[in-house]
Amino acid sequence: MNEQRIHQVLEIEKNAQAIHDAAVREAEQLPRQAKEEAHELIEKARAAAQAIVHQLVTDAQAEEECALILTQAEQEAERSEAVAMSHFDRAVGYVLDRLVGKE
């Protein structure tokens, strides 16, 4: 019976040593794994931030382009209005001259 108990104790110690060794291996891997996961999170955050910045820059450029187009359109409208007023003044003068009988 003592021999059987000794065998059980030795088996328990063997199992305990295997569990201990596995825990040590896992403990050695945890910092590396945590570092890799942190690096992945940092890269994902960096990529997300870059995408946001790119979108903001794109939006800002689009707004600048819209503002430029609007300014150009307003200037063209002002030029067209000035030309139209010039033609209107000439047309009114022509009509008045026709009514008075100058032409």
PDB file of N, CA and C in Angstrom:
ATOM      1  N   MET A   1       0.807  -1.178   0.000  1.00  0.00           N
ATOM      2  CA  MET A   1       0.000   0.000   0.000  1.00  0.00           C
ATOM      3  C   MET A   1       0.861   1.257   0.000  1.00  0.00           C
ATOM      4  N   ASN A   2       1.938   1.239   0.733  1.00  0.00           N
ATOM      5  CA  ASN A   2       2.850   2.371   0.762  1.00  0.00           C
ATOM      6  C   ASN A   2       3.442   2.641  -0.615  1.00  0.00           C
ATOM      7  N   GLU A   3       3.728   1.548  -1.286  1.00  0.00           N
ATOM      8  CA  GLU A   3       4.304   1.703  -2.627  1.00  0.00           C
ATOM      9  C   GLU A   3       3.277   2.357  -3.566  1.00  0.00           C
ATOM     10  N   GLN A   4       2.029   1.990  -3.413  1.00  0.00           N
ATOM     11  CA  GLN A   4       0.970   2.581  -4.231  1.00  0.00           C
ATOM     12  C   GLN A   4       0.816   4.061  -3.889  1.00  0.00           C
ATOM     13  N   ARG A   5       0.898   4.409  -2.624  1.00  0.00           N
ATOM     14  CA  ARG A   5       0.814   5.808  -2.206  1.00  0.00           C
ATOM     15  C   ARG A   5       1.993   6.611  -2.748  1.00  0.00           C
ATOM     16  N   ILE A   6       3.169   6.023  -2.686  1.00  0.00           N
ATOM     17  CA  ILE A   6       4.359   6.714  -3.209  1.00  0.00           C
ATOM     18  C   ILE A   6       4.188   6.947  -4.700  1.00  0.00           C
ATOM     19  N   HIS A   7       3.674   5.942  -5.396  1.00  0.00           N
ATOM     20  CA  HIS A   7       3.435   6.079  -6.830  1.00  0.00           C
ATOM     21  C   HIS A   7       2.413   7.196  -7.103  1.00  0.00           C
ATOM     22  N   GLN A   8       1.354   7.276  -6.295  1.00  0.00           N
ATOM     23  CA  GLN A   8       0.358   8.337  -6.453  1.00  0.00           C
ATOM     24  C   GLN A   8       0.967   9.710  -6.205  1.00  0.00           C
ATOM     25  N   VAL A   9       1.787   9.811  -5.162  1.00  0.00           N
ATOM     26  CA  VAL A   9       2.433  11.086  -4.845  1.00  0.00           C
ATOM     27  C   VAL A   9       3.355  11.494  -5.981  1.00  0.00           C
ATOM     28  N   LEU A  10       4.121  10.538  -6.492  1.00  0.00           N
ATOM     29  CA  LEU A  10       5.028  10.837  -7.616  1.00  0.00           C
ATOM     30  C   LEU A  10       4.224  11.277  -8.848  1.00  0.00           C
ATOM     31  N   GLU A  11       3.085  10.618  -9.102  1.00  0.00           N
ATOM     32  CA  GLU A  11       2.240  10.985 -10.232  1.00  0.00           C
ATOM     33  C   GLU A  11       1.670  12.389 -10.034  1.00  0.00           C
ATOM     34  N   ILE A  12       1.235  12.702  -8.810  1.00  0.00           N
ATOM     35  CA  ILE A  12       0.719  14.038  -8.505  1.00  0.00           C
ATOM     36  C   ILE A  12       1.802  15.083  -8.682  1.00  0.00           C
ATOM     37  N   GLU A  13       3.008  14.797  -8.215  1.00  0.00           N
ATOM     38  CA  GLU A  13       4.123  15.732  -8.383  1.00  0.00           C
ATOM     39  C   GLU A  13       4.448  15.931  -9.861  1.00  0.00           C
ATOM     40  N   LYS A  14       4.391  14.828 -10.633  1.00  0.00           N
ATOM     41  CA  LYS A  14       4.654  14.917 -12.074  1.00  0.00           C
ATOM     42  C   LYS A  14       3.601  15.814 -12.743  1.00  0.00           C
ATOM     43  N   ASN A  15       2.350  15.621 -12.376  1.00  0.00           N
ATOM     44  CA  ASN A  15       1.274  16.453 -12.923  1.00  0.00           C
ATOM     45  C   ASN A  15       1.433  17.904 -12.490  1.00  0.00           C
ATOM     46  N   ALA A  16       1.786  18.115 -11.245  1.00  0.00           N
ATOM     47  CA  ALA A  16       1.985  19.470 -10.732  1.00  0.00           C
ATOM     48  C   ALA A  16       3.124  20.145 -11.483  1.00  0.00           C
ATOM     49  N   GLN A  17       4.201  19.401 -11.747  1.00  0.00           N
ATOM     50  CA  GLN A  17       5.341  19.965 -12.487  1.00  0.00           C
ATOM     51  C   GLN A  17       4.932  20.314 -13.921  1.00  0.00           C
ATOM     52  N   ALA A  18       4.134  19.474 -14.541  1.00  0.00           N
ATOM     53  CA  ALA A  18       3.666  19.737 -15.907  1.00  0.00           C
ATOM     54  C   ALA A  18       2.778  20.982 -15.920  1.00  0.00           C
ATOM     55  N   ILE A  19       1.894  21.093 -14.920  1.00  0.00           N
ATOM     56  CA  ILE A  19       1.041  22.278 -14.829  1.00  0.00           C
ATOM     57  C   ILE A  19       1.885  23.516 -14.596  1.00  0.00           C
ATOM     58  N   HIS A  20       2.876  23.405 -13.733  1.00  0.00           N
ATOM     59  CA  HIS A  20       3.776  24.531 -13.447  1.00  0.00           C
ATOM     60  C   HIS A  20       4.534  24.955 -14.699  1.00  0.00           C
ATOM     61  N   ASP A  21       5.075  23.975 -15.427  1.00  0.00           N
ATOM     62  CA  ASP A  21       5.826  24.277 -16.651  1.00  0.00           C
ATOM     63  C   ASP A  21       4.933  24.958 -17.695  1.00  0.00           C
ATOM     64  N   ALA A  22       3.706  24.474 -17.825  1.00  0.00           N
ATOM     65  CA  ALA A  22       2.771  25.078 -18.780  1.00  0.00           C
ATOM     66  C   ALA A  22       2.442  26.508 -18.361  1.00  0.00           C
ATOM     67  N   ALA A  23       2.256  26.736 -17.065  1.00  0.00           N
ATOM     68  CA  ALA A  23       1.967  28.080 -16.571  1.00  0.00           C
ATOM     69  C   ALA A  23       3.140  29.013 -16.813  1.00  0.00           C
ATOM     70  N   VAL A  24       4.371  28.513 -16.633  1.00  0.00           N
ATOM     71  CA  VAL A  24       5.569  29.325 -16.877  1.00  0.00           C
ATOM     72  C   VAL A  24       5.667  29.684 -18.355  1.00  0.00           C
ATOM     73  N   ARG A  25       5.420  28.704 -19.243  1.00  0.00           N
ATOM     74  CA  ARG A  25       5.464  28.982 -20.685  1.00  0.00           C
ATOM     75  C   ARG A  25       4.411  30.020 -21.060  1.00  0.00           C
ATOM     76  N   GLU A  26       3.202  29.863 -20.514  1.00  0.00           N
ATOM     77  CA  GLU A  26       2.138  30.823 -20.807  1.00  0.00           C
ATOM     78  C   GLU A  26       2.491  32.195 -20.261  1.00  0.00           C
ATOM     79  N   ALA A  27       3.062  32.244 -19.071  1.00  0.00           N
ATOM     80  CA  ALA A  27       3.452  33.518 -18.473  1.00  0.00           C
ATOM     81  C   ALA A  27       4.543  34.197 -19.303  1.00  0.00           C
ATOM     82  N   GLU A  28       5.426  33.405 -19.891  1.00  0.00           N
ATOM     83  CA  GLU A  28       6.477  33.975 -20.742  1.00  0.00           C
ATOM     84  C   GLU A  28       5.893  34.510 -22.049  1.00  0.00           C
ATOM     85  N   GLN A  29       4.821  33.910 -22.527  1.00  0.00           N
ATOM     86  CA  GLN A  29       4.213  34.328 -23.787  1.00  0.00           C
ATOM     87  C   GLN A  29       3.298  35.541 -23.615  1.00  0.00           C
ATOM     88  N   LEU A  30       2.745  35.729 -22.433  1.00  0.00           N
ATOM     89  CA  LEU A  30       1.773  36.803 -22.220  1.00  0.00           C
ATOM     90  C   LEU A  30       2.327  38.193 -22.533  1.00  0.00           C
ATOM     91  N   PRO A  31       3.523  38.574 -22.071  1.00  0.00           N
ATOM     92  CA  PRO A  31       4.011  39.915 -22.416  1.00  0.00           C
ATOM     93  C   PRO A  31       4.178  40.116 -23.926  1.00  0.00           C
ATOM     94  N   ARG A  32       4.694  39.084 -24.607  1.00  0.00           N
ATOM     95  CA  ARG A  32       4.857  39.173 -26.064  1.00  0.00           C
ATOM     96  C   ARG A  32       3.506  39.303 -26.742  1.00  0.00           C
ATOM     97  N   GLN A  33       2.558  38.504 -26.318  1.00  0.00           N
ATOM     98  CA  GLN A  33       1.218  38.553 -26.890  1.00  0.00           C
ATOM     99  C   GLN A  33       0.554  39.901 -26.606  1.00  0.00           C
ATOM    100  N   ALA A  34       0.714  40.403 -25.402  1.00  0.00           N
ATOM    101  CA  ALA A  34       0.134  41.711 -25.060  1.00  0.00           C
ATOM    102  C   ALA A  34       0.771  42.808 -25.895  1.00  0.00           C
ATOM    103  N   LYS A  35       2.081  42.715 -26.093  1.00  0.00           N
ATOM    104  CA  LYS A  35       2.777  43.712 -26.908  1.00  0.00           C
ATOM    105  C   LYS A  35       2.279  43.674 -28.353  1.00  0.00           C
ATOM    106  N   GLU A  36       2.105  42.471 -28.888  1.00  0.00           N
ATOM    107  CA  GLU A  36       1.603  42.341 -30.256  1.00  0.00           C
ATOM    108  C   GLU A  36       0.187  42.901 -30.375  1.00  0.00           C
ATOM    109  N   GLU A  37      -0.667  42.590 -29.408  1.00  0.00           N
ATOM    110  CA  GLU A  37      -2.040  43.090 -29.446  1.00  0.00           C
ATOM    111  C   GLU A  37      -2.072  44.611 -29.312  1.00  0.00           C
ATOM    112  N   ALA A  38      -1.206  45.143 -28.442  1.00  0.00           N
ATOM    113  CA  ALA A  38      -1.134  46.600 -28.296  1.00  0.00           C
ATOM    114  C   ALA A  38      -0.667  47.237 -29.603  1.00  0.00           C
ATOM    115  N   HIS A  39       0.316  46.624 -30.253  1.00  0.00           N
ATOM    116  CA  HIS A  39       0.819  47.135 -31.529  1.00  0.00           C
ATOM    117  C   HIS A  39      -0.295  47.116 -32.577  1.00  0.00           C
ATOM    118  N   GLU A  40      -1.062  46.033 -32.617  1.00  0.00           N
ATOM    119  CA  GLU A  40      -2.174  45.944 -33.563  1.00  0.00           C
ATOM    120  C   GLU A  40      -3.211  47.028 -33.293  1.00  0.00           C
ATOM    121  N   LEU A  41      -3.527  47.244 -32.019  1.00  0.00           N
ATOM    122  CA  LEU A  41      -4.492  48.293 -31.672  1.00  0.00           C
ATOM    123  C   LEU A  41      -3.976  49.671 -32.074  1.00  0.00           C
ATOM    124  N   ILE A  42      -2.698  49.902 -31.842  1.00  0.00           N
ATOM    125  CA  ILE A  42      -2.096  51.188 -32.214  1.00  0.00           C
ATOM    126  C   ILE A  42      -2.163  51.372 -33.721  1.00  0.00           C
ATOM    127  N   GLU A  43      -1.854  50.337 -34.470  1.00  0.00           N
ATOM    128  CA  GLU A  43      -1.892  50.433 -35.935  1.00  0.00           C
ATOM    129  C   GLU A  43      -3.318  50.661 -36.437  1.00  0.00           C
ATOM    130  N   LYS A  44      -4.291  49.984 -35.816  1.00  0.00           N
ATOM    131  CA  LYS A  44      -5.685  50.205 -36.215  1.00  0.00           C
ATOM    132  C   LYS A  44      -6.111  51.634 -35.906  1.00  0.00           C
ATOM    133  N   ALA A  45      -5.714  52.127 -34.731  1.00  0.00           N
ATOM    134  CA  ALA A  45      -6.059  53.505 -34.365  1.00  0.00           C
ATOM    135  C   ALA A  45      -5.384  54.490 -35.307  1.00  0.00           C
ATOM    136  N   ARG A  46      -4.121  54.234 -35.654  1.00  0.00           N
ATOM    137  CA  ARG A  46      -3.397  55.109 -36.575  1.00  0.00           C
ATOM    138  C   ARG A  46      -4.069  55.113 -37.948  1.00  0.00           C
ATOM    139  N   ALA A  47      -4.440  53.929 -38.427  1.00  0.00           N
ATOM    140  CA  ALA A  47      -5.101  53.840 -39.734  1.00  0.00           C
ATOM    141  C   ALA A  47      -6.444  54.568 -39.712  1.00  0.00           C
ATOM    142  N   ALA A  48      -7.189  54.412 -38.625  1.00  0.00           N
ATOM    143  CA  ALA A  48      -8.476  55.097 -38.514  1.00  0.00           C
ATOM    144  C   ALA A  48      -8.274  56.610 -38.479  1.00  0.00           C
ATOM    145  N   ALA A  49      -7.279  57.063 -37.733  1.00  0.00           N
ATOM    146  CA  ALA A  49      -6.996  58.500 -37.649  1.00  0.00           C
ATOM    147  C   ALA A  49      -6.572  59.035 -39.011  1.00  0.00           C
ATOM    148  N   GLN A  50      -5.745  58.288 -39.720  1.00  0.00           N
ATOM    149  CA  GLN A  50      -5.319  58.722 -41.050  1.00  0.00           C
ATOM    150  C   GLN A  50      -6.498  58.800 -42.005  1.00  0.00           C
ATOM    151  N   ALA A  51      -7.424  57.850 -41.904  1.00  0.00           N
ATOM    152  CA  ALA A  51      -8.608  57.878 -42.763  1.00  0.00           C
ATOM    153  C   ALA A  51      -9.464  59.099 -42.450  1.00  0.00           C
ATOM    154  N   ILE A  52      -9.597  59.403 -41.167  1.00  0.00           N
ATOM    155  CA  ILE A  52     -10.379  60.578 -40.777  1.00  0.00           C
ATOM    156  C   ILE A  52      -9.711  61.851 -41.284  1.00  0.00           C
ATOM    157  N   VAL A  53      -8.392  61.932 -41.105  1.00  0.00           N
ATOM    158  CA  VAL A  53      -7.660  63.113 -41.574  1.00  0.00           C
ATOM    159  C   VAL A  53      -7.790  63.251 -43.089  1.00  0.00           C
ATOM    160  N   HIS A  54      -7.669  62.144 -43.797  1.00  0.00           N
ATOM    161  CA  HIS A  54      -7.797  62.178 -45.256  1.00  0.00           C
ATOM    162  C   HIS A  54      -9.185  62.694 -45.658  1.00  0.00           C
ATOM    163  N   GLN A  55     -10.212  62.196 -44.970  1.00  0.00           N
ATOM    164  CA  GLN A  55     -11.572  62.632 -45.277  1.00  0.00           C
ATOM    165  C   GLN A  55     -11.747  64.115 -44.970  1.00  0.00           C
ATOM    166  N   LEU A  56     -11.190  64.572 -43.851  1.00  0.00           N
ATOM    167  CA  LEU A  56     -11.288  65.987 -43.498  1.00  0.00           C
ATOM    168  C   LEU A  56     -10.587  66.864 -44.530  1.00  0.00           C
ATOM    169  N   VAL A  57      -9.411  66.421 -44.974  1.00  0.00           N
ATOM    170  CA  VAL A  57      -8.674  67.179 -45.988  1.00  0.00           C
ATOM    171  C   VAL A  57      -9.461  67.200 -47.293  1.00  0.00           C
ATOM    172  N   THR A  58     -10.016  66.053 -47.660  1.00  0.00           N
ATOM    173  CA  THR A  58     -10.816  65.973 -48.881  1.00  0.00           C
ATOM    174  C   THR A  58     -12.024  66.894 -48.793  1.00  0.00           C
ATOM    175  N   ASP A  59     -12.703  66.858 -47.641  1.00  0.00           N
ATOM    176  CA  ASP A  59     -13.859  67.728 -47.449  1.00  0.00           C
ATOM    177  C   ASP A  59     -13.458  69.201 -47.510  1.00  0.00           C
ATOM    178  N   ALA A  60     -12.327  69.516 -46.862  1.00  0.00           N
ATOM    179  CA  ALA A  60     -11.866  70.911 -46.861  1.00  0.00           C
ATOM    180  C   ALA A  60     -11.529  71.364 -48.278  1.00  0.00           C
ATOM    181  N   GLN A  61     -10.885  70.486 -49.040  1.00  0.00           N
ATOM    182  CA  GLN A  61     -10.550  70.832 -50.420  1.00  0.00           C
ATOM    183  C   GLN A  61     -11.821  71.023 -51.240  1.00  0.00           C
ATOM    184  N   ALA A  62     -12.805  70.164 -51.009  1.00  0.00           N
ATOM    185  CA  ALA A  62     -14.068  70.294 -51.738  1.00  0.00           C
ATOM    186  C   ALA A  62     -14.747  71.612 -51.374  1.00  0.00           C
ATOM    187  N   GLU A  63     -14.709  71.966 -50.094  1.00  0.00           N
ATOM    188  CA  GLU A  63     -15.302  73.236 -49.680  1.00  0.00           C
ATOM    189  C   GLU A  63     -14.567  74.410 -50.318  1.00  0.00           C
ATOM    190  N   GLU A  64     -13.236  74.328 -50.370  1.00  0.00           N
ATOM    191  CA  GLU A  64     -12.454  75.394 -51.001  1.00  0.00           C
ATOM    192  C   GLU A  64     -12.786  75.490 -52.482  1.00  0.00           C
ATOM    193  N   GLU A  65     -12.895  74.334 -53.144  1.00  0.00           N
ATOM    194  CA  GLU A  65     -13.232  74.333 -54.560  1.00  0.00           C
ATOM    195  C   GLU A  65     -14.624  74.916 -54.782  1.00  0.00           C
ATOM    196  N   CYS A  66     -15.573  74.546 -53.910  1.00  0.00           N
ATOM    197  CA  CYS A  66     -16.935  75.095 -54.026  1.00  0.00           C
ATOM    198  C   CYS A  66     -16.920  76.608 -53.839  1.00  0.00           C
ATOM    199  N   ALA A  67     -16.158  77.061 -52.850  1.00  0.00           N
ATOM    200  CA  ALA A  67     -16.080  78.503 -52.598  1.00  0.00           C
ATOM    201  C   ALA A  67     -15.455  79.213 -53.794  1.00  0.00           C
ATOM    202  N   LEU A  68     -14.419  78.621 -54.385  1.00  0.00           N
ATOM    203  CA  LEU A  68     -13.773  79.216 -55.552  1.00  0.00           C
ATOM    204  C   LEU A  68     -14.744  79.263 -56.733  1.00  0.00           C
ATOM    205  N   ILE A  69     -15.453  78.173 -56.972  1.00  0.00           N
ATOM    206  CA  ILE A  69     -16.417  78.133 -58.073  1.00  0.00           C
ATOM    207  C   ILE A  69     -17.517  79.163 -57.844  1.00  0.00           C
ATOM    208  N   LEU A  70     -17.989  79.257 -56.599  1.00  0.00           N
ATOM    209  CA  LEU A  70     -19.028  80.234 -56.279  1.00  0.00           C
ATOM    210  C   LEU A  70     -18.527  81.658 -56.511  1.00  0.00           C
ATOM    211  N   THR A  71     -17.308  81.931 -56.092  1.00  0.00           N
ATOM    212  CA  THR A  71     -16.730  83.265 -56.300  1.00  0.00           C
ATOM    213  C   THR A  71     -16.614  83.569 -57.789  1.00  0.00           C
ATOM    214  N   GLN A  72     -16.124  82.602 -58.547  1.00  0.00           N
ATOM    215  CA  GLN A  72     -15.997  82.796 -59.990  1.00  0.00           C
ATOM    216  C   GLN A  72     -17.368  83.007 -60.639  1.00  0.00           C
ATOM    217  N   ALA A  73     -18.365  82.239 -60.190  1.00  0.00           N
ATOM    218  CA  ALA A  73     -19.711  82.385 -60.745  1.00  0.00           C
ATOM    219  C   ALA A  73     -20.283  83.755 -60.407  1.00  0.00           C
ATOM    220  N   GLU A  74     -20.049  84.220 -59.182  1.00  0.00           N
ATOM    221  CA  GLU A  74     -20.529  85.551 -58.799  1.00  0.00           C
ATOM    222  C   GLU A  74     -19.851  86.636 -59.638  1.00  0.00           C
ATOM    223  N   GLN A  75     -18.545  86.491 -59.864  1.00  0.00           N
ATOM    224  CA  GLN A  75     -17.832  87.476 -60.687  1.00  0.00           C
ATOM    225  C   GLN A  75     -18.356  87.461 -62.117  1.00  0.00           C
ATOM    226  N   GLU A  76     -18.601  86.271 -62.653  1.00  0.00           N
ATOM    227  CA  GLU A  76     -19.127  86.162 -64.014  1.00  0.00           C
ATOM    228  C   GLU A  76     -20.524  86.761 -64.082  1.00  0.00           C
ATOM    229  N   ALA A  77     -21.334  86.539 -63.061  1.00  0.00           N
ATOM    230  CA  ALA A  77     -22.681  87.113 -63.027  1.00  0.00           C
ATOM    231  C   ALA A  77     -22.608  88.640 -62.978  1.00  0.00           C
ATOM    232  N   GLU A  78     -21.672  89.166 -62.209  1.00  0.00           N
ATOM    233  CA  GLU A  78     -21.502  90.624 -62.140  1.00  0.00           C
ATOM    234  C   GLU A  78     -21.083  91.181 -63.500  1.00  0.00           C
ATOM    235  N   ARG A  79     -20.145  90.486 -64.179  1.00  0.00           N
ATOM    236  CA  ARG A  79     -19.715  90.935 -65.507  1.00  0.00           C
ATOM    237  C   ARG A  79     -20.888  90.884 -66.493  1.00  0.00           C
ATOM    238  N   SER A  80     -21.644  89.792 -66.423  1.00  0.00           N
ATOM    239  CA  SER A  80     -22.788  89.655 -67.321  1.00  0.00           C
ATOM    240  C   SER A  80     -23.827  90.734 -67.047  1.00  0.00           C
ATOM    241  N   GLU A  81     -24.045  91.019 -65.783  1.00  0.00           N
ATOM    242  CA  GLU A  81     -25.004  92.069 -65.426  1.00  0.00           C
ATOM    243  C   GLU A  81     -24.522  93.420 -65.929  1.00  0.00           C
ATOM    244  N   ALA A  82     -23.228  93.682 -65.812  1.00  0.00           N
ATOM    245  CA  ALA A  82     -22.693  94.956 -66.298  1.00  0.00           C
ATOM    246  C   ALA A  82     -22.867  95.065 -67.811  1.00  0.00           C
ATOM    247  N   VAL A  83     -22.575  93.984 -68.522  1.00  0.00           N
ATOM    248  CA  VAL A  83     -22.752  93.987 -69.976  1.00  0.00           C
ATOM    249  C   VAL A  83     -24.226  94.149 -70.316  1.00  0.00           C
ATOM    250  N   ALA A  84     -25.099  93.438 -69.598  1.00  0.00           N
ATOM    251  CA  ALA A  84     -26.536  93.537 -69.862  1.00  0.00           C
ATOM    252  C   ALA A  84     -27.032  94.954 -69.604  1.00  0.00           C
ATOM    253  N   MET A  85     -26.580  95.577 -68.548  1.00  0.00           N
ATOM    254  CA  MET A  85     -26.996  96.946 -68.255  1.00  0.00           C
ATOM    255  C   MET A  85     -26.513  97.895 -69.342  1.00  0.00           C
ATOM    256  N   SER A  86     -25.292  97.663 -69.834  1.00  0.00           N
ATOM    257  CA  SER A  86     -24.767  98.484 -70.924  1.00  0.00           C
ATOM    258  C   SER A  86     -25.643  98.326 -72.164  1.00  0.00           C
ATOM    259  N   HIS A  87     -25.988  97.104 -72.477  1.00  0.00           N
ATOM    260  CA  HIS A  87     -26.844  96.850 -73.642  1.00  0.00           C
ATOM    261  C   HIS A  87     -28.243  97.419 -73.404  1.00  0.00           C
ATOM    262  N   PHE A  88     -28.736  97.303 -72.183  1.00  0.00           N
ATOM    263  CA  PHE A  88     -30.051  97.842 -71.850  1.00  0.00           C
ATOM    264  C   PHE A  88     -30.070  99.354 -72.044  1.00  0.00           C
ATOM    265  N   ASP A  89     -29.006 100.010 -71.528  1.00  0.00           N
ATOM    266  CA  ASP A  89     -28.929 101.468 -71.684  1.00  0.00           C
ATOM    267  C   ASP A  89     -28.916 101.843 -73.169  1.00  0.00           C
ATOM    268  N   ARG A  90     -28.140 101.114 -73.965  1.00  0.00           N
ATOM    269  CA  ARG A  90     -28.091 101.400 -75.396  1.00  0.00           C
ATOM    270  C   ARG A  90     -29.442 101.141 -76.054  1.00  0.00           C
ATOM    271  N   ALA A  91     -30.124 100.061 -75.620  1.00  0.00           N
ATOM    272  CA  ALA A  91     -31.427  99.731 -76.201  1.00  0.00           C
ATOM    273  C   ALA A  91     -32.457 100.802 -75.854  1.00  0.00           C
ATOM    274  N   VAL A  92     -32.445 101.253 -74.614  1.00  0.00           N
ATOM    275  CA  VAL A  92     -33.374 102.313 -74.210  1.00  0.00           C
ATOM    276  C   VAL A  92     -33.084 103.578 -75.010  1.00  0.00           C
ATOM    277  N   GLY A  93     -31.827 103.918 -75.164  1.00  0.00           N
ATOM    278  CA  GLY A  93     -31.448 105.087 -75.955  1.00  0.00           C
ATOM    279  C   GLY A  93     -31.920 104.956 -77.397  1.00  0.00           C
ATOM    280  N   TYR A  94     -31.766 103.762 -77.961  1.00  0.00           N
ATOM    281  CA  TYR A  94     -32.192 103.524 -79.345  1.00  0.00           C
ATOM    282  C   TYR A  94     -33.706 103.692 -79.470  1.00  0.00           C
ATOM    283  N   VAL A  95     -34.443 103.084 -78.521  1.00  0.00           N
ATOM    284  CA  VAL A  95     -35.899 103.186 -78.568  1.00  0.00           C
ATOM    285  C   VAL A  95     -36.326 104.646 -78.415  1.00  0.00           C
ATOM    286  N   LEU A  96     -35.740 105.358 -77.501  1.00  0.00           N
ATOM    287  CA  LEU A  96     -36.078 106.756 -77.319  1.00  0.00           C
ATOM    288  C   LEU A  96     -35.767 107.573 -78.575  1.00  0.00           C
ATOM    289  N   ASP A  97     -34.615 107.316 -79.175  1.00  0.00           N
ATOM    290  CA  ASP A  97     -34.263 108.007 -80.419  1.00  0.00           C
ATOM    291  C   ASP A  97     -35.276 107.695 -81.512  1.00  0.00           C
ATOM    292  N   ARG A  98     -35.730 106.474 -81.596  1.00  0.00           N
ATOM    293  CA  ARG A  98     -36.732 106.094 -82.612  1.00  0.00           C
ATOM    294  C   ARG A  98     -38.065 106.805 -82.351  1.00  0.00           C
ATOM    295  N   LEU A  99     -38.389 106.900 -81.043  1.00  0.00           N
ATOM    296  CA  LEU A  99     -39.660 107.566 -80.720  1.00  0.00           C
ATOM    297  C   LEU A  99     -39.583 109.061 -81.037  1.00  0.00           C
ATOM    298  N   VAL A 100     -38.463 109.648 -80.793  1.00  0.00           N
ATOM    299  CA  VAL A 100     -38.296 111.067 -81.036  1.00  0.00           C
ATOM    300  C   VAL A 100     -38.099 111.306 -82.533  1.00  0.00           C
ATOM    301  N   GLY A 101     -37.694 110.326 -83.233  1.00  0.00           N
ATOM    302  CA  GLY A 101     -37.522 110.437 -84.668  1.00  0.00           C
ATOM    303  C   GLY A 101     -36.116 110.801 -85.086  1.00  0.00           C
ATOM    304  N   LYS A 102     -35.150 110.501 -84.256  1.00  0.00           N
ATOM    305  CA  LYS A 102     -33.766 110.814 -84.646  1.00  0.00           C
ATOM    306  C   LYS A 102     -33.216 109.798 -85.617  1.00  0.00           C
ATOM    307  N   GLU A 103     -33.735 108.619 -85.618  1.00  0.00           N
ATOM    308  CA  GLU A 103     -33.214 107.590 -86.546  1.00  0.00           C
ATOM    309  C   GLU A 103     -34.258 107.170 -87.504  1.00  0.00           C
TER     310      GLU A 103
END
